[in-house]
Amino acid sequence: MEPEFVPVDSSMIKNLLYNHDDSSLLVEFKNNSRYIYQDVTKQMFKEMIESESVGKYFHANIKKLPNERIN
């Protein structure tokens, strides 16, 4: 399955790119830094993009997951 690219309406996050094959989420922040977060379930991704606040969901559920800065 192709990675799913989603621009989001957030004060800190510009774009999300979810990879269904390895359950990773690339988060591109408005300051142009990028991080890949591991162990993000499809359900978490769905909840995040449908949440009232993408940033609040990110801080509560994604930020603590294993991650790596890629730029």
PDB file of N, CA and C in Angstrom:
ATOM      1  N   MET A   1       0.845  -1.184   0.000  1.00  0.00           N
ATOM      2  CA  MET A   1       0.000   0.000   0.000  1.00  0.00           C
ATOM      3  C   MET A   1       0.889   1.246   0.000  1.00  0.00           C
ATOM      4  N   GLU A   2       0.537   2.216  -0.811  1.00  0.00           N
ATOM      5  CA  GLU A   2       1.320   3.447  -0.906  1.00  0.00           C
ATOM      6  C   GLU A   2       1.225   4.260   0.387  1.00  0.00           C
ATOM      7  N   PRO A   3       2.314   4.956   0.738  1.00  0.00           N
ATOM      8  CA  PRO A   3       2.240   5.858   1.891  1.00  0.00           C
ATOM      9  C   PRO A   3       1.149   6.906   1.679  1.00  0.00           C
ATOM     10  N   GLU A   4       0.517   7.293   2.770  1.00  0.00           N
ATOM     11  CA  GLU A   4      -0.596   8.237   2.711  1.00  0.00           C
ATOM     12  C   GLU A   4      -0.134   9.616   3.183  1.00  0.00           C
ATOM     13  N   PHE A   5      -0.095  10.574   2.261  1.00  0.00           N
ATOM     14  CA  PHE A   5       0.354  11.941   2.532  1.00  0.00           C
ATOM     15  C   PHE A   5      -0.846  12.804   2.890  1.00  0.00           C
ATOM     16  N   VAL A   6      -0.745  13.517   4.013  1.00  0.00           N
ATOM     17  CA  VAL A   6      -1.857  14.342   4.462  1.00  0.00           C
ATOM     18  C   VAL A   6      -1.345  15.700   4.943  1.00  0.00           C
ATOM     19  N   PRO A   7      -1.700  16.803   4.235  1.00  0.00           N
ATOM     20  CA  PRO A   7      -1.422  18.121   4.806  1.00  0.00           C
ATOM     21  C   PRO A   7      -2.422  18.364   5.932  1.00  0.00           C
ATOM     22  N   VAL A   8      -1.982  18.985   7.023  1.00  0.00           N
ATOM     23  CA  VAL A   8      -2.876  19.178   8.163  1.00  0.00           C
ATOM     24  C   VAL A   8      -2.970  20.649   8.546  1.00  0.00           C
ATOM     25  N   ASP A   9      -4.065  20.977   9.201  1.00  0.00           N
ATOM     26  CA  ASP A   9      -4.291  22.324   9.704  1.00  0.00           C
ATOM     27  C   ASP A   9      -3.818  22.355  11.154  1.00  0.00           C
ATOM     28  N   SER A  10      -2.587  22.809  11.351  1.00  0.00           N
ATOM     29  CA  SER A  10      -1.981  22.812  12.673  1.00  0.00           C
ATOM     30  C   SER A  10      -1.009  23.980  12.765  1.00  0.00           C
ATOM     31  N   SER A  11      -0.851  24.516  13.948  1.00  0.00           N
ATOM     32  CA  SER A  11       0.085  25.627  14.120  1.00  0.00           C
ATOM     33  C   SER A  11       1.532  25.155  14.129  1.00  0.00           C
ATOM     34  N   MET A  12       1.774  23.861  14.366  1.00  0.00           N
ATOM     35  CA  MET A  12       3.156  23.380  14.428  1.00  0.00           C
ATOM     36  C   MET A  12       3.506  22.310  13.397  1.00  0.00           C
ATOM     37  N   ILE A  13       2.497  21.592  12.870  1.00  0.00           N
ATOM     38  CA  ILE A  13       2.748  20.499  11.933  1.00  0.00           C
ATOM     39  C   ILE A  13       2.253  20.889  10.547  1.00  0.00           C
ATOM     40  N   LYS A  14       3.123  20.674   9.547  1.00  0.00           N
ATOM     41  CA  LYS A  14       2.776  21.011   8.163  1.00  0.00           C
ATOM     42  C   LYS A  14       2.145  19.828   7.440  1.00  0.00           C
ATOM     43  N   ASN A  15       2.817  18.685   7.495  1.00  0.00           N
ATOM     44  CA  ASN A  15       2.373  17.502   6.745  1.00  0.00           C
ATOM     45  C   ASN A  15       2.625  16.228   7.523  1.00  0.00           C
ATOM     46  N   LEU A  16       1.843  15.213   7.189  1.00  0.00           N
ATOM     47  CA  LEU A  16       2.034  13.869   7.728  1.00  0.00           C
ATOM     48  C   LEU A  16       2.137  12.899   6.562  1.00  0.00           C
ATOM     49  N   LEU A  17       2.982  11.899   6.714  1.00  0.00           N
ATOM     50  CA  LEU A  17       3.101  10.860   5.702  1.00  0.00           C
ATOM     51  C   LEU A  17       3.144   9.524   6.433  1.00  0.00           C
ATOM     52  N   TYR A  18       2.054   8.767   6.314  1.00  0.00           N
ATOM     53  CA  TYR A  18       1.950   7.488   7.019  1.00  0.00           C
ATOM     54  C   TYR A  18       2.302   6.345   6.085  1.00  0.00           C
ATOM     55  N   ASN A  19       3.194   5.478   6.551  1.00  0.00           N
ATOM     56  CA  ASN A  19       3.598   4.307   5.781  1.00  0.00           C
ATOM     57  C   ASN A  19       2.917   3.080   6.390  1.00  0.00           C
ATOM     58  N   HIS A  20       1.942   2.547   5.684  1.00  0.00           N
ATOM     59  CA  HIS A  20       1.182   1.387   6.159  1.00  0.00           C
ATOM     60  C   HIS A  20       2.049   0.137   6.263  1.00  0.00           C
ATOM     61  N   ASP A  21       3.077   0.038   5.424  1.00  0.00           N
ATOM     62  CA  ASP A  21       3.901  -1.170   5.401  1.00  0.00           C
ATOM     63  C   ASP A  21       4.698  -1.373   6.684  1.00  0.00           C
ATOM     64  N   ASP A  22       5.241  -0.292   7.244  1.00  0.00           N
ATOM     65  CA  ASP A  22       6.056  -0.457   8.455  1.00  0.00           C
ATOM     66  C   ASP A  22       5.516   0.320   9.659  1.00  0.00           C
ATOM     67  N   SER A  23       4.292   0.828   9.555  1.00  0.00           N
ATOM     68  CA  SER A  23       3.638   1.552  10.655  1.00  0.00           C
ATOM     69  C   SER A  23       4.483   2.716  11.166  1.00  0.00           C
ATOM     70  N   SER A  24       5.038   3.458  10.200  1.00  0.00           N
ATOM     71  CA  SER A  24       5.819   4.633  10.579  1.00  0.00           C
ATOM     72  C   SER A  24       5.095   5.891  10.108  1.00  0.00           C
ATOM     73  N   LEU A  25       5.375   6.970  10.790  1.00  0.00           N
ATOM     74  CA  LEU A  25       4.759   8.254  10.473  1.00  0.00           C
ATOM     75  C   LEU A  25       5.841   9.306  10.350  1.00  0.00           C
ATOM     76  N   LEU A  26       5.942   9.907   9.161  1.00  0.00           N
ATOM     77  CA  LEU A  26       6.844  11.025   8.971  1.00  0.00           C
ATOM     78  C   LEU A  26       6.065  12.296   9.297  1.00  0.00           C
ATOM     79  N   VAL A  27       6.602  13.074  10.211  1.00  0.00           N
ATOM     80  CA  VAL A  27       5.978  14.337  10.594  1.00  0.00           C
ATOM     81  C   VAL A  27       6.881  15.468  10.124  1.00  0.00           C
ATOM     82  N   GLU A  28       6.332  16.330   9.270  1.00  0.00           N
ATOM     83  CA  GLU A  28       7.065  17.511   8.808  1.00  0.00           C
ATOM     84  C   GLU A  28       6.493  18.713   9.546  1.00  0.00           C
ATOM     85  N   PHE A  29       7.359  19.324  10.339  1.00  0.00           N
ATOM     86  CA  PHE A  29       6.931  20.465  11.138  1.00  0.00           C
ATOM     87  C   PHE A  29       7.055  21.762  10.347  1.00  0.00           C
ATOM     88  N   LYS A  30       6.388  22.800  10.809  1.00  0.00           N
ATOM     89  CA  LYS A  30       6.401  24.094  10.109  1.00  0.00           C
ATOM     90  C   LYS A  30       7.786  24.731  10.111  1.00  0.00           C
ATOM     91  N   ASN A  31       8.659  24.321  11.039  1.00  0.00           N
ATOM     92  CA  ASN A  31      10.035  24.839  11.036  1.00  0.00           C
ATOM     93  C   ASN A  31      10.924  24.031  10.085  1.00  0.00           C
ATOM     94  N   ASN A  32      10.293  23.163   9.282  1.00  0.00           N
ATOM     95  CA  ASN A  32      10.923  22.319   8.256  1.00  0.00           C
ATOM     96  C   ASN A  32      11.731  21.153   8.805  1.00  0.00           C
ATOM     97  N   SER A  33      11.697  20.903  10.107  1.00  0.00           N
ATOM     98  CA  SER A  33      12.328  19.691  10.620  1.00  0.00           C
ATOM     99  C   SER A  33      11.396  18.515  10.334  1.00  0.00           C
ATOM    100  N   ARG A  34      11.997  17.344  10.198  1.00  0.00           N
ATOM    101  CA  ARG A  34      11.233  16.125   9.910  1.00  0.00           C
ATOM    102  C   ARG A  34      11.683  15.023  10.845  1.00  0.00           C
ATOM    103  N   TYR A  35      10.705  14.299  11.340  1.00  0.00           N
ATOM    104  CA  TYR A  35      10.959  13.159  12.216  1.00  0.00           C
ATOM    105  C   TYR A  35      10.129  11.980  11.733  1.00  0.00           C
ATOM    106  N   ILE A  36      10.704  10.791  11.880  1.00  0.00           N
ATOM    107  CA  ILE A  36       9.959   9.568  11.603  1.00  0.00           C
ATOM    108  C   ILE A  36       9.674   8.904  12.950  1.00  0.00           C
ATOM    109  N   TYR A  37       8.405   8.638  13.199  1.00  0.00           N
ATOM    110  CA  TYR A  37       7.956   7.980  14.428  1.00  0.00           C
ATOM    111  C   TYR A  37       7.565   6.550  14.093  1.00  0.00           C
ATOM    112  N   GLN A  38       8.032   5.624  14.919  1.00  0.00           N
ATOM    113  CA  GLN A  38       7.772   4.198  14.719  1.00  0.00           C
ATOM    114  C   GLN A  38       6.577   3.749  15.554  1.00  0.00           C
ATOM    115  N   ASP A  39       6.017   2.607  15.196  1.00  0.00           N
ATOM    116  CA  ASP A  39       4.944   1.954  15.968  1.00  0.00           C
ATOM    117  C   ASP A  39       3.656   2.771  16.010  1.00  0.00           C
ATOM    118  N   VAL A  40       3.371   3.496  14.937  1.00  0.00           N
ATOM    119  CA  VAL A  40       2.125   4.263  14.836  1.00  0.00           C
ATOM    120  C   VAL A  40       1.098   3.370  14.141  1.00  0.00           C
ATOM    121  N   THR A  41       0.050   3.015  14.835  1.00  0.00           N
ATOM    122  CA  THR A  41      -0.962   2.140  14.244  1.00  0.00           C
ATOM    123  C   THR A  41      -1.828   2.912  13.247  1.00  0.00           C
ATOM    124  N   LYS A  42      -2.496   2.167  12.382  1.00  0.00           N
ATOM    125  CA  LYS A  42      -3.430   2.792  11.434  1.00  0.00           C
ATOM    126  C   LYS A  42      -4.512   3.556  12.189  1.00  0.00           C
ATOM    127  N   GLN A  43      -4.964   2.978  13.306  1.00  0.00           N
ATOM    128  CA  GLN A  43      -5.994   3.622  14.118  1.00  0.00           C
ATOM    129  C   GLN A  43      -5.489   4.951  14.690  1.00  0.00           C
ATOM    130  N   MET A  44      -4.255   4.973  15.171  1.00  0.00           N
ATOM    131  CA  MET A  44      -3.684   6.213  15.705  1.00  0.00           C
ATOM    132  C   MET A  44      -3.604   7.283  14.616  1.00  0.00           C
ATOM    133  N   PHE A  45      -3.163   6.879  13.425  1.00  0.00           N
ATOM    134  CA  PHE A  45      -3.062   7.827  12.317  1.00  0.00           C
ATOM    135  C   PHE A  45      -4.437   8.393  11.980  1.00  0.00           C
ATOM    136  N   LYS A  46      -5.433   7.521  11.901  1.00  0.00           N
ATOM    137  CA  LYS A  46      -6.799   7.948  11.595  1.00  0.00           C
ATOM    138  C   LYS A  46      -7.313   8.917  12.664  1.00  0.00           C
ATOM    139  N   GLU A  47      -7.109   8.553  13.922  1.00  0.00           N
ATOM    140  CA  GLU A  47      -7.554   9.418  15.016  1.00  0.00           C
ATOM    141  C   GLU A  47      -6.850  10.774  14.967  1.00  0.00           C
ATOM    142  N   MET A  48      -5.578  10.759  14.637  1.00  0.00           N
ATOM    143  CA  MET A  48      -4.812  12.011  14.601  1.00  0.00           C
ATOM    144  C   MET A  48      -5.343  12.957  13.529  1.00  0.00           C
ATOM    145  N   ILE A  49      -5.548  12.448  12.315  1.00  0.00           N
ATOM    146  CA  ILE A  49      -5.983  13.345  11.241  1.00  0.00           C
ATOM    147  C   ILE A  49      -7.440  13.763  11.392  1.00  0.00           C
ATOM    148  N   GLU A  50      -8.204  13.008  12.185  1.00  0.00           N
ATOM    149  CA  GLU A  50      -9.604  13.365  12.407  1.00  0.00           C
ATOM    150  C   GLU A  50      -9.817  14.149  13.702  1.00  0.00           C
ATOM    151  N   SER A  51      -8.758  14.331  14.476  1.00  0.00           N
ATOM    152  CA  SER A  51      -8.903  14.989  15.774  1.00  0.00           C
ATOM    153  C   SER A  51      -9.149  16.487  15.614  1.00  0.00           C
ATOM    154  N   GLU A  52      -9.730  17.051  16.645  1.00  0.00           N
ATOM    155  CA  GLU A  52      -9.997  18.490  16.659  1.00  0.00           C
ATOM    156  C   GLU A  52      -8.688  19.278  16.652  1.00  0.00           C
ATOM    157  N   SER A  53      -7.660  18.742  17.310  1.00  0.00           N
ATOM    158  CA  SER A  53      -6.348  19.379  17.348  1.00  0.00           C
ATOM    159  C   SER A  53      -5.277  18.340  17.057  1.00  0.00           C
ATOM    160  N   VAL A  54      -4.678  18.447  15.876  1.00  0.00           N
ATOM    161  CA  VAL A  54      -3.619  17.516  15.478  1.00  0.00           C
ATOM    162  C   VAL A  54      -2.443  17.626  16.449  1.00  0.00           C
ATOM    163  N   GLY A  55      -2.092  18.844  16.821  1.00  0.00           N
ATOM    164  CA  GLY A  55      -0.971  19.057  17.737  1.00  0.00           C
ATOM    165  C   GLY A  55      -1.182  18.440  19.100  1.00  0.00           C
ATOM    166  N   LYS A  56      -2.384  18.585  19.648  1.00  0.00           N
ATOM    167  CA  LYS A  56      -2.687  17.995  20.959  1.00  0.00           C
ATOM    168  C   LYS A  56      -2.636  16.471  20.878  1.00  0.00           C
ATOM    169  N   TYR A  57      -3.184  15.911  19.802  1.00  0.00           N
ATOM    170  CA  TYR A  57      -3.136  14.458  19.636  1.00  0.00           C
ATOM    171  C   TYR A  57      -1.680  14.000  19.526  1.00  0.00           C
ATOM    172  N   PHE A  58      -0.895  14.719  18.747  1.00  0.00           N
ATOM    173  CA  PHE A  58       0.523  14.394  18.573  1.00  0.00           C
ATOM    174  C   PHE A  58       1.230  14.358  19.927  1.00  0.00           C
ATOM    175  N   HIS A  59       1.060  15.402  20.717  1.00  0.00           N
ATOM    176  CA  HIS A  59       1.734  15.480  22.018  1.00  0.00           C
ATOM    177  C   HIS A  59       1.279  14.376  22.975  1.00  0.00           C
ATOM    178  N   ALA A  60       0.009  14.046  22.935  1.00  0.00           N
ATOM    179  CA  ALA A  60      -0.527  13.044  23.858  1.00  0.00           C
ATOM    180  C   ALA A  60      -0.208  11.609  23.446  1.00  0.00           C
ATOM    181  N   ASN A  61      -0.074  11.342  22.143  1.00  0.00           N
ATOM    182  CA  ASN A  61      -0.010   9.956  21.676  1.00  0.00           C
ATOM    183  C   ASN A  61       1.176   9.574  20.798  1.00  0.00           C
ATOM    184  N   ILE A  62       1.761  10.509  20.091  1.00  0.00           N
ATOM    185  CA  ILE A  62       2.799  10.169  19.115  1.00  0.00           C
ATOM    186  C   ILE A  62       4.203  10.557  19.581  1.00  0.00           C
ATOM    187  N   LYS A  63       4.316  11.719  20.191  1.00  0.00           N
ATOM    188  CA  LYS A  63       5.625  12.283  20.542  1.00  0.00           C
ATOM    189  C   LYS A  63       6.501  11.331  21.360  1.00  0.00           C
ATOM    190  N   LYS A  64       5.880  10.520  22.210  1.00  0.00           N
ATOM    191  CA  LYS A  64       6.630   9.618  23.099  1.00  0.00           C
ATOM    192  C   LYS A  64       7.137   8.361  22.391  1.00  0.00           C
ATOM    193  N   LEU A  65       6.688   8.099  21.177  1.00  0.00           N
ATOM    194  CA  LEU A  65       7.089   6.895  20.451  1.00  0.00           C
ATOM    195  C   LEU A  65       8.529   7.011  19.957  1.00  0.00           C
ATOM    196  N   PRO A  66       9.173   5.858  19.698  1.00  0.00           N
ATOM    197  CA  PRO A  66      10.534   5.901  19.156  1.00  0.00           C
ATOM    198  C   PRO A  66      10.554   6.742  17.875  1.00  0.00           C
ATOM    199  N   ASN A  67      11.571   7.592  17.759  1.00  0.00           N
ATOM    200  CA  ASN A  67      11.633   8.470  16.593  1.00  0.00           C
ATOM    201  C   ASN A  67      13.063   8.784  16.222  1.00  0.00           C
ATOM    202  N   GLU A  68      13.195   9.345  15.017  1.00  0.00           N
ATOM    203  CA  GLU A  68      14.494   9.721  14.487  1.00  0.00           C
ATOM    204  C   GLU A  68      14.327  10.977  13.649  1.00  0.00           C
ATOM    205  N   ARG A  69      15.181  11.961  13.906  1.00  0.00           N
ATOM    206  CA  ARG A  69      15.161  13.172  13.077  1.00  0.00           C
ATOM    207  C   ARG A  69      15.845  12.847  11.765  1.00  0.00           C
ATOM    208  N   ILE A  70      15.246  13.268  10.651  1.00  0.00           N
ATOM    209  CA  ILE A  70      15.835  12.943   9.358  1.00  0.00           C
ATOM    210  C   ILE A  70      16.353  14.160   8.610  1.00  0.00           C
ATOM    211  N   ASN A  71      16.257  15.351   9.193  1.00  0.00           N
ATOM    212  CA  ASN A  71      16.922  16.530   8.600  1.00  0.00           C
ATOM    213  C   ASN A  71      17.102  17.595   9.640  1.00  0.00           C
TER     214      ASN A  71
END
